[in-house]
Amino acid sequence: MESVNMHEAKTRLSQLVARAANGEAFIIAEAGKPVVRVTAIDAPETKTQKRLGFLAGEFNVPDDFDRLGQEEITEMFGG
């Protein structure tokens, strides 16, 4: 997805709105940080949002996952 800085967005607003209306979403950034995503009102949701849980059931996470290697980590930090 294209990123456009704030000044450029102000300068080319009509052009960018036309592109968004044609289904081309873009991001407006300020000082290099993304601020807003511009899409057409009737644009479908992005496909990346539908990927949540795409690996469900493919592997098991052990119950002690958050404690794996705890002794070694404690030792590395002088514990």
PDB file of N, CA and C in Angstrom:
ATOM      1  N   MET A   1       0.849  -1.166   0.000  1.00  0.00           N
ATOM      2  CA  MET A   1       0.000   0.000   0.000  1.00  0.00           C
ATOM      3  C   MET A   1       0.897   1.231   0.000  1.00  0.00           C
ATOM      4  N   GLU A   2       0.604   2.167  -0.861  1.00  0.00           N
ATOM      5  CA  GLU A   2       1.414   3.369  -1.004  1.00  0.00           C
ATOM      6  C   GLU A   2       1.252   4.283   0.209  1.00  0.00           C
ATOM      7  N   SER A   3       2.338   4.916   0.585  1.00  0.00           N
ATOM      8  CA  SER A   3       2.313   5.889   1.668  1.00  0.00           C
ATOM      9  C   SER A   3       2.612   7.268   1.078  1.00  0.00           C
ATOM     10  N   VAL A   4       1.816   8.262   1.470  1.00  0.00           N
ATOM     11  CA  VAL A   4       1.946   9.630   0.957  1.00  0.00           C
ATOM     12  C   VAL A   4       2.133  10.551   2.154  1.00  0.00           C
ATOM     13  N   ASN A   5       3.108  11.465   2.061  1.00  0.00           N
ATOM     14  CA  ASN A   5       3.283  12.371   3.195  1.00  0.00           C
ATOM     15  C   ASN A   5       2.184  13.442   3.188  1.00  0.00           C
ATOM     16  N   MET A   6       2.001  14.085   4.299  1.00  0.00           N
ATOM     17  CA  MET A   6       0.912  15.037   4.502  1.00  0.00           C
ATOM     18  C   MET A   6       0.945  16.175   3.475  1.00  0.00           C
ATOM     19  N   HIS A   7       2.109  16.731   3.234  1.00  0.00           N
ATOM     20  CA  HIS A   7       2.223  17.847   2.284  1.00  0.00           C
ATOM     21  C   HIS A   7       1.815  17.410   0.880  1.00  0.00           C
ATOM     22  N   GLU A   8       2.291  16.243   0.465  1.00  0.00           N
ATOM     23  CA  GLU A   8       1.935  15.724  -0.856  1.00  0.00           C
ATOM     24  C   GLU A   8       0.435  15.454  -0.948  1.00  0.00           C
ATOM     25  N   ALA A   9      -0.157  14.944   0.135  1.00  0.00           N
ATOM     26  CA  ALA A   9      -1.593  14.671   0.152  1.00  0.00           C
ATOM     27  C   ALA A   9      -2.395  15.960  -0.005  1.00  0.00           C
ATOM     28  N   LYS A  10      -1.943  17.039   0.635  1.00  0.00           N
ATOM     29  CA  LYS A  10      -2.628  18.327   0.492  1.00  0.00           C
ATOM     30  C   LYS A  10      -2.536  18.823  -0.941  1.00  0.00           C
ATOM     31  N   THR A  11      -1.367  18.643  -1.531  1.00  0.00           N
ATOM     32  CA  THR A  11      -1.130  19.128  -2.888  1.00  0.00           C
ATOM     33  C   THR A  11      -1.917  18.337  -3.927  1.00  0.00           C
ATOM     34  N   ARG A  12      -2.013  17.036  -3.743  1.00  0.00           N
ATOM     35  CA  ARG A  12      -2.641  16.163  -4.747  1.00  0.00           C
ATOM     36  C   ARG A  12      -3.957  15.549  -4.270  1.00  0.00           C
ATOM     37  N   LEU A  13      -4.687  16.245  -3.406  1.00  0.00           N
ATOM     38  CA  LEU A  13      -5.890  15.685  -2.799  1.00  0.00           C
ATOM     39  C   LEU A  13      -6.888  15.161  -3.829  1.00  0.00           C
ATOM     40  N   SER A  14      -7.221  15.930  -4.848  1.00  0.00           N
ATOM     41  CA  SER A  14      -8.208  15.492  -5.846  1.00  0.00           C
ATOM     42  C   SER A  14      -7.757  14.209  -6.524  1.00  0.00           C
ATOM     43  N   GLN A  15      -6.496  14.154  -6.879  1.00  0.00           N
ATOM     44  CA  GLN A  15      -5.939  12.982  -7.547  1.00  0.00           C
ATOM     45  C   GLN A  15      -5.998  11.750  -6.632  1.00  0.00           C
ATOM     46  N   LEU A  16      -5.632  11.935  -5.384  1.00  0.00           N
ATOM     47  CA  LEU A  16      -5.623  10.822  -4.435  1.00  0.00           C
ATOM     48  C   LEU A  16      -7.037  10.331  -4.128  1.00  0.00           C
ATOM     49  N   VAL A  17      -7.983  11.246  -4.019  1.00  0.00           N
ATOM     50  CA  VAL A  17      -9.374  10.861  -3.770  1.00  0.00           C
ATOM     51  C   VAL A  17      -9.907  10.061  -4.954  1.00  0.00           C
ATOM     52  N   ALA A  18      -9.560  10.462  -6.157  1.00  0.00           N
ATOM     53  CA  ALA A  18     -10.000   9.736  -7.349  1.00  0.00           C
ATOM     54  C   ALA A  18      -9.429   8.319  -7.351  1.00  0.00           C
ATOM     55  N   ARG A  19      -8.177   8.191  -6.965  1.00  0.00           N
ATOM     56  CA  ARG A  19      -7.558   6.866  -6.905  1.00  0.00           C
ATOM     57  C   ARG A  19      -8.238   5.999  -5.846  1.00  0.00           C
ATOM     58  N   ALA A  20      -8.536   6.587  -4.700  1.00  0.00           N
ATOM     59  CA  ALA A  20      -9.210   5.834  -3.641  1.00  0.00           C
ATOM     60  C   ALA A  20     -10.596   5.405  -4.097  1.00  0.00           C
ATOM     61  N   ALA A  21     -11.288   6.267  -4.797  1.00  0.00           N
ATOM     62  CA  ALA A  21     -12.624   5.940  -5.307  1.00  0.00           C
ATOM     63  C   ALA A  21     -12.576   4.791  -6.306  1.00  0.00           C
ATOM     64  N   ASN A  22     -11.441   4.625  -6.968  1.00  0.00           N
ATOM     65  CA  ASN A  22     -11.264   3.521  -7.913  1.00  0.00           C
ATOM     66  C   ASN A  22     -10.753   2.253  -7.240  1.00  0.00           C
ATOM     67  N   GLY A  23     -10.698   2.258  -5.910  1.00  0.00           N
ATOM     68  CA  GLY A  23     -10.323   1.060  -5.168  1.00  0.00           C
ATOM     69  C   GLY A  23      -8.874   0.994  -4.741  1.00  0.00           C
ATOM     70  N   GLU A  24      -8.103   2.027  -4.971  1.00  0.00           N
ATOM     71  CA  GLU A  24      -6.694   2.056  -4.593  1.00  0.00           C
ATOM     72  C   GLU A  24      -6.549   2.719  -3.226  1.00  0.00           C
ATOM     73  N   ALA A  25      -6.355   1.956  -2.200  1.00  0.00           N
ATOM     74  CA  ALA A  25      -6.187   2.522  -0.858  1.00  0.00           C
ATOM     75  C   ALA A  25      -4.769   3.057  -0.700  1.00  0.00           C
ATOM     76  N   PHE A  26      -4.587   4.027   0.179  1.00  0.00           N
ATOM     77  CA  PHE A  26      -3.252   4.561   0.459  1.00  0.00           C
ATOM     78  C   PHE A  26      -3.214   5.057   1.892  1.00  0.00           C
ATOM     79  N   ILE A  27      -2.011   5.309   2.368  1.00  0.00           N
ATOM     80  CA  ILE A  27      -1.795   5.763   3.737  1.00  0.00           C
ATOM     81  C   ILE A  27      -1.237   7.177   3.695  1.00  0.00           C
ATOM     82  N   ILE A  28      -1.726   8.036   4.577  1.00  0.00           N
ATOM     83  CA  ILE A  28      -1.165   9.378   4.734  1.00  0.00           C
ATOM     84  C   ILE A  28      -0.302   9.346   5.991  1.00  0.00           C
ATOM     85  N   ALA A  29       0.952   9.773   5.826  1.00  0.00           N
ATOM     86  CA  ALA A  29       1.902   9.762   6.934  1.00  0.00           C
ATOM     87  C   ALA A  29       2.319  11.181   7.281  1.00  0.00           C
ATOM     88  N   GLU A  30       2.642  11.363   8.538  1.00  0.00           N
ATOM     89  CA  GLU A  30       3.139  12.668   9.003  1.00  0.00           C
ATOM     90  C   GLU A  30       4.446  12.419   9.737  1.00  0.00           C
ATOM     91  N   ALA A  31       5.494  13.075   9.293  1.00  0.00           N
ATOM     92  CA  ALA A  31       6.845  12.889   9.849  1.00  0.00           C
ATOM     93  C   ALA A  31       7.261  11.425   9.758  1.00  0.00           C
ATOM     94  N   GLY A  32       6.867  10.753   8.684  1.00  0.00           N
ATOM     95  CA  GLY A  32       7.252   9.371   8.457  1.00  0.00           C
ATOM     96  C   GLY A  32       6.429   8.330   9.194  1.00  0.00           C
ATOM     97  N   LYS A  33       5.472   8.773  10.003  1.00  0.00           N
ATOM     98  CA  LYS A  33       4.642   7.829  10.765  1.00  0.00           C
ATOM     99  C   LYS A  33       3.251   7.769  10.149  1.00  0.00           C
ATOM    100  N   PRO A  34       2.742   6.562   9.881  1.00  0.00           N
ATOM    101  CA  PRO A  34       1.393   6.437   9.320  1.00  0.00           C
ATOM    102  C   PRO A  34       0.346   7.053  10.245  1.00  0.00           C
ATOM    103  N   VAL A  35      -0.562   7.833   9.664  1.00  0.00           N
ATOM    104  CA  VAL A  35      -1.599   8.496  10.459  1.00  0.00           C
ATOM    105  C   VAL A  35      -2.980   7.936  10.109  1.00  0.00           C
ATOM    106  N   VAL A  36      -3.297   7.885   8.807  1.00  0.00           N
ATOM    107  CA  VAL A  36      -4.606   7.388   8.382  1.00  0.00           C
ATOM    108  C   VAL A  36      -4.472   6.518   7.133  1.00  0.00           C
ATOM    109  N   ARG A  37      -5.445   5.631   6.972  1.00  0.00           N
ATOM    110  CA  ARG A  37      -5.550   4.846   5.748  1.00  0.00           C
ATOM    111  C   ARG A  37      -6.784   5.352   5.020  1.00  0.00           C
ATOM    112  N   VAL A  38      -6.643   5.680   3.755  1.00  0.00           N
ATOM    113  CA  VAL A  38      -7.747   6.220   2.966  1.00  0.00           C
ATOM    114  C   VAL A  38      -8.217   5.141   1.995  1.00  0.00           C
ATOM    115  N   THR A  39      -9.515   4.833   2.058  1.00  0.00           N
ATOM    116  CA  THR A  39     -10.130   3.863   1.147  1.00  0.00           C
ATOM    117  C   THR A  39     -11.477   4.411   0.713  1.00  0.00           C
ATOM    118  N   ALA A  40     -12.014   3.845  -0.335  1.00  0.00           N
ATOM    119  CA  ALA A  40     -13.347   4.233  -0.772  1.00  0.00           C
ATOM    120  C   ALA A  40     -14.363   3.760   0.258  1.00  0.00           C
ATOM    121  N   ILE A  41     -15.461   4.469   0.403  1.00  0.00           N
ATOM    122  CA  ILE A  41     -16.487   4.105   1.380  1.00  0.00           C
ATOM    123  C   ILE A  41     -17.039   2.717   1.108  1.00  0.00           C
ATOM    124  N   ASP A  42     -17.255   2.379  -0.158  1.00  0.00           N
ATOM    125  CA  ASP A  42     -17.828   1.074  -0.482  1.00  0.00           C
ATOM    126  C   ASP A  42     -16.769   0.014  -0.759  1.00  0.00           C
ATOM    127  N   ALA A  43     -15.506   0.293  -0.388  1.00  0.00           N
ATOM    128  CA  ALA A  43     -14.431  -0.675  -0.615  1.00  0.00           C
ATOM    129  C   ALA A  43     -14.581  -1.852   0.334  1.00  0.00           C
ATOM    130  N   PRO A  44     -14.341  -3.067  -0.150  1.00  0.00           N
ATOM    131  CA  PRO A  44     -14.407  -4.228   0.738  1.00  0.00           C
ATOM    132  C   PRO A  44     -13.262  -4.198   1.737  1.00  0.00           C
ATOM    133  N   GLU A  45     -13.434  -4.866   2.829  1.00  0.00           N
ATOM    134  CA  GLU A  45     -12.378  -4.938   3.831  1.00  0.00           C
ATOM    135  C   GLU A  45     -11.153  -5.604   3.217  1.00  0.00           C
ATOM    136  N   THR A  46      -9.977  -5.236   3.712  1.00  0.00           N
ATOM    137  CA  THR A  46      -8.756  -5.817   3.168  1.00  0.00           C
ATOM    138  C   THR A  46      -8.672  -7.292   3.525  1.00  0.00           C
ATOM    139  N   LYS A  47      -8.051  -8.069   2.670  1.00  0.00           N
ATOM    140  CA  LYS A  47      -7.960  -9.510   2.862  1.00  0.00           C
ATOM    141  C   LYS A  47      -7.088  -9.882   4.043  1.00  0.00           C
ATOM    142  N   THR A  48      -6.154  -9.031   4.418  1.00  0.00           N
ATOM    143  CA  THR A  48      -5.269  -9.364   5.527  1.00  0.00           C
ATOM    144  C   THR A  48      -6.038  -9.522   6.826  1.00  0.00           C
ATOM    145  N   GLN A  49      -7.150  -8.848   6.981  1.00  0.00           N
ATOM    146  CA  GLN A  49      -7.928  -8.983   8.199  1.00  0.00           C
ATOM    147  C   GLN A  49      -8.593 -10.353   8.302  1.00  0.00           C
ATOM    148  N   LYS A  50      -8.818 -11.005   7.189  1.00  0.00           N
ATOM    149  CA  LYS A  50      -9.457 -12.312   7.193  1.00  0.00           C
ATOM    150  C   LYS A  50      -8.484 -13.439   7.518  1.00  0.00           C
ATOM    151  N   ARG A  51      -7.174 -13.140   7.584  1.00  0.00           N
ATOM    152  CA  ARG A  51      -6.167 -14.162   7.810  1.00  0.00           C
ATOM    153  C   ARG A  51      -6.032 -14.529   9.287  1.00  0.00           C
ATOM    154  N   LEU A  52      -6.654 -13.820  10.183  1.00  0.00           N
ATOM    155  CA  LEU A  52      -6.534 -14.085  11.606  1.00  0.00           C
ATOM    156  C   LEU A  52      -6.965 -15.516  11.891  1.00  0.00           C
ATOM    157  N   GLY A  53      -6.111 -16.280  12.504  1.00  0.00           N
ATOM    158  CA  GLY A  53      -6.433 -17.659  12.844  1.00  0.00           C
ATOM    159  C   GLY A  53      -6.215 -18.637  11.712  1.00  0.00           C
ATOM    160  N   PHE A  54      -5.465 -18.258  10.671  1.00  0.00           N
ATOM    161  CA  PHE A  54      -5.305 -19.136   9.513  1.00  0.00           C
ATOM    162  C   PHE A  54      -4.495 -20.390   9.832  1.00  0.00           C
ATOM    163  N   LEU A  55      -3.775 -20.433  10.935  1.00  0.00           N
ATOM    164  CA  LEU A  55      -3.031 -21.627  11.323  1.00  0.00           C
ATOM    165  C   LEU A  55      -3.681 -22.364  12.491  1.00  0.00           C
ATOM    166  N   ALA A  56      -4.928 -22.040  12.791  1.00  0.00           N
ATOM    167  CA  ALA A  56      -5.620 -22.679  13.912  1.00  0.00           C
ATOM    168  C   ALA A  56      -5.629 -24.191  13.724  1.00  0.00           C
ATOM    169  N   GLY A  57      -5.212 -24.903  14.779  1.00  0.00           N
ATOM    170  CA  GLY A  57      -5.219 -26.354  14.745  1.00  0.00           C
ATOM    171  C   GLY A  57      -3.994 -26.967  14.089  1.00  0.00           C
ATOM    172  N   GLU A  58      -3.078 -26.171  13.561  1.00  0.00           N
ATOM    173  CA  GLU A  58      -1.897 -26.698  12.873  1.00  0.00           C
ATOM    174  C   GLU A  58      -0.786 -27.107  13.844  1.00  0.00           C
ATOM    175  N   PHE A  59      -0.753 -26.522  15.024  1.00  0.00           N
ATOM    176  CA  PHE A  59       0.271 -26.889  16.005  1.00  0.00           C
ATOM    177  C   PHE A  59      -0.258 -26.610  17.401  1.00  0.00           C
ATOM    178  N   ASN A  60       0.397 -27.225  18.389  1.00  0.00           N
ATOM    179  CA  ASN A  60      -0.007 -27.055  19.788  1.00  0.00           C
ATOM    180  C   ASN A  60       1.048 -26.247  20.526  1.00  0.00           C
ATOM    181  N   VAL A  61       0.602 -25.320  21.338  1.00  0.00           N
ATOM    182  CA  VAL A  61       1.504 -24.526  22.165  1.00  0.00           C
ATOM    183  C   VAL A  61       1.483 -25.135  23.564  1.00  0.00           C
ATOM    184  N   PRO A  62       2.646 -25.524  24.090  1.00  0.00           N
ATOM    185  CA  PRO A  62       2.676 -26.129  25.420  1.00  0.00           C
ATOM    186  C   PRO A  62       2.166 -25.163  26.494  1.00  0.00           C
ATOM    187  N   ASP A  63       1.596 -25.722  27.550  1.00  0.00           N
ATOM    188  CA  ASP A  63       1.062 -24.891  28.635  1.00  0.00           C
ATOM    189  C   ASP A  63       2.137 -24.045  29.303  1.00  0.00           C
ATOM    190  N   ASP A  64       3.377 -24.550  29.324  1.00  0.00           N
ATOM    191  CA  ASP A  64       4.462 -23.809  29.971  1.00  0.00           C
ATOM    192  C   ASP A  64       5.285 -22.991  28.975  1.00  0.00           C
ATOM    193  N   PHE A  65       4.703 -22.615  27.857  1.00  0.00           N
ATOM    194  CA  PHE A  65       5.402 -21.872  26.816  1.00  0.00           C
ATOM    195  C   PHE A  65       6.062 -20.609  27.359  1.00  0.00           C
ATOM    196  N   ASP A  66       5.375 -19.885  28.225  1.00  0.00           N
ATOM    197  CA  ASP A  66       5.914 -18.635  28.753  1.00  0.00           C
ATOM    198  C   ASP A  66       7.027 -18.855  29.780  1.00  0.00           C
ATOM    199  N   ARG A  67       7.259 -20.114  30.155  1.00  0.00           N
ATOM    200  CA  ARG A  67       8.323 -20.415  31.121  1.00  0.00           C
ATOM    201  C   ARG A  67       9.457 -21.233  30.504  1.00  0.00           C
ATOM    202  N   LEU A  68       9.403 -21.509  29.207  1.00  0.00           N
ATOM    203  CA  LEU A  68      10.452 -22.288  28.553  1.00  0.00           C
ATOM    204  C   LEU A  68      11.786 -21.550  28.645  1.00  0.00           C
ATOM    205  N   GLY A  69      12.819 -22.241  29.083  1.00  0.00           N
ATOM    206  CA  GLY A  69      14.149 -21.641  29.182  1.00  0.00           C
ATOM    207  C   GLY A  69      14.298 -20.652  30.310  1.00  0.00           C
ATOM    208  N   GLN A  70      13.382 -20.677  31.266  1.00  0.00           N
ATOM    209  CA  GLN A  70      13.389 -19.694  32.350  1.00  0.00           C
ATOM    210  C   GLN A  70      14.690 -19.750  33.157  1.00  0.00           C
ATOM    211  N   GLU A  71      15.176 -20.961  33.424  1.00  0.00           N
ATOM    212  CA  GLU A  71      16.407 -21.097  34.215  1.00  0.00           C
ATOM    213  C   GLU A  71      17.593 -20.477  33.489  1.00  0.00           C
ATOM    214  N   GLU A  72      17.718 -20.756  32.188  1.00  0.00           N
ATOM    215  CA  GLU A  72      18.831 -20.231  31.407  1.00  0.00           C
ATOM    216  C   GLU A  72      18.761 -18.691  31.322  1.00  0.00           C
ATOM    217  N   ILE A  73      17.574 -18.164  31.146  1.00  0.00           N
ATOM    218  CA  ILE A  73      17.417 -16.707  31.054  1.00  0.00           C
ATOM    219  C   ILE A  73      17.769 -16.047  32.375  1.00  0.00           C
ATOM    220  N   THR A  74      17.313 -16.640  33.474  1.00  0.00           N
ATOM    221  CA  THR A  74      17.614 -16.096  34.803  1.00  0.00           C
ATOM    222  C   THR A  74      19.117 -16.114  35.036  1.00  0.00           C
ATOM    223  N   GLU A  75      19.754 -17.195  34.613  1.00  0.00           N
ATOM    224  CA  GLU A  75      21.208 -17.323  34.775  1.00  0.00           C
ATOM    225  C   GLU A  75      21.947 -16.281  33.943  1.00  0.00           C
ATOM    226  N   MET A  76      21.470 -16.014  32.712  1.00  0.00           N
ATOM    227  CA  MET A  76      22.132 -15.021  31.863  1.00  0.00           C
ATOM    228  C   MET A  76      22.074 -13.622  32.456  1.00  0.00           C
ATOM    229  N   PHE A  77      21.012 -13.325  33.201  1.00  0.00           N
ATOM    230  CA  PHE A  77      20.870 -11.999  33.793  1.00  0.00           C
ATOM    231  C   PHE A  77      21.389 -11.954  35.232  1.00  0.00           C
ATOM    232  N   GLY A  78      22.185 -12.946  35.603  1.00  0.00           N
ATOM    233  CA  GLY A  78      22.853 -12.922  36.900  1.00  0.00           C
ATOM    234  C   GLY A  78      21.977 -13.327  38.054  1.00  0.00           C
ATOM    235  N   GLY A  79      20.939 -14.103  37.809  1.00  0.00           N
ATOM    236  CA  GLY A  79      20.021 -14.511  38.870  1.00  0.00           C
ATOM    237  C   GLY A  79      20.429 -15.732  39.608  1.00  0.00           C
TER     238      GLY A  79
END
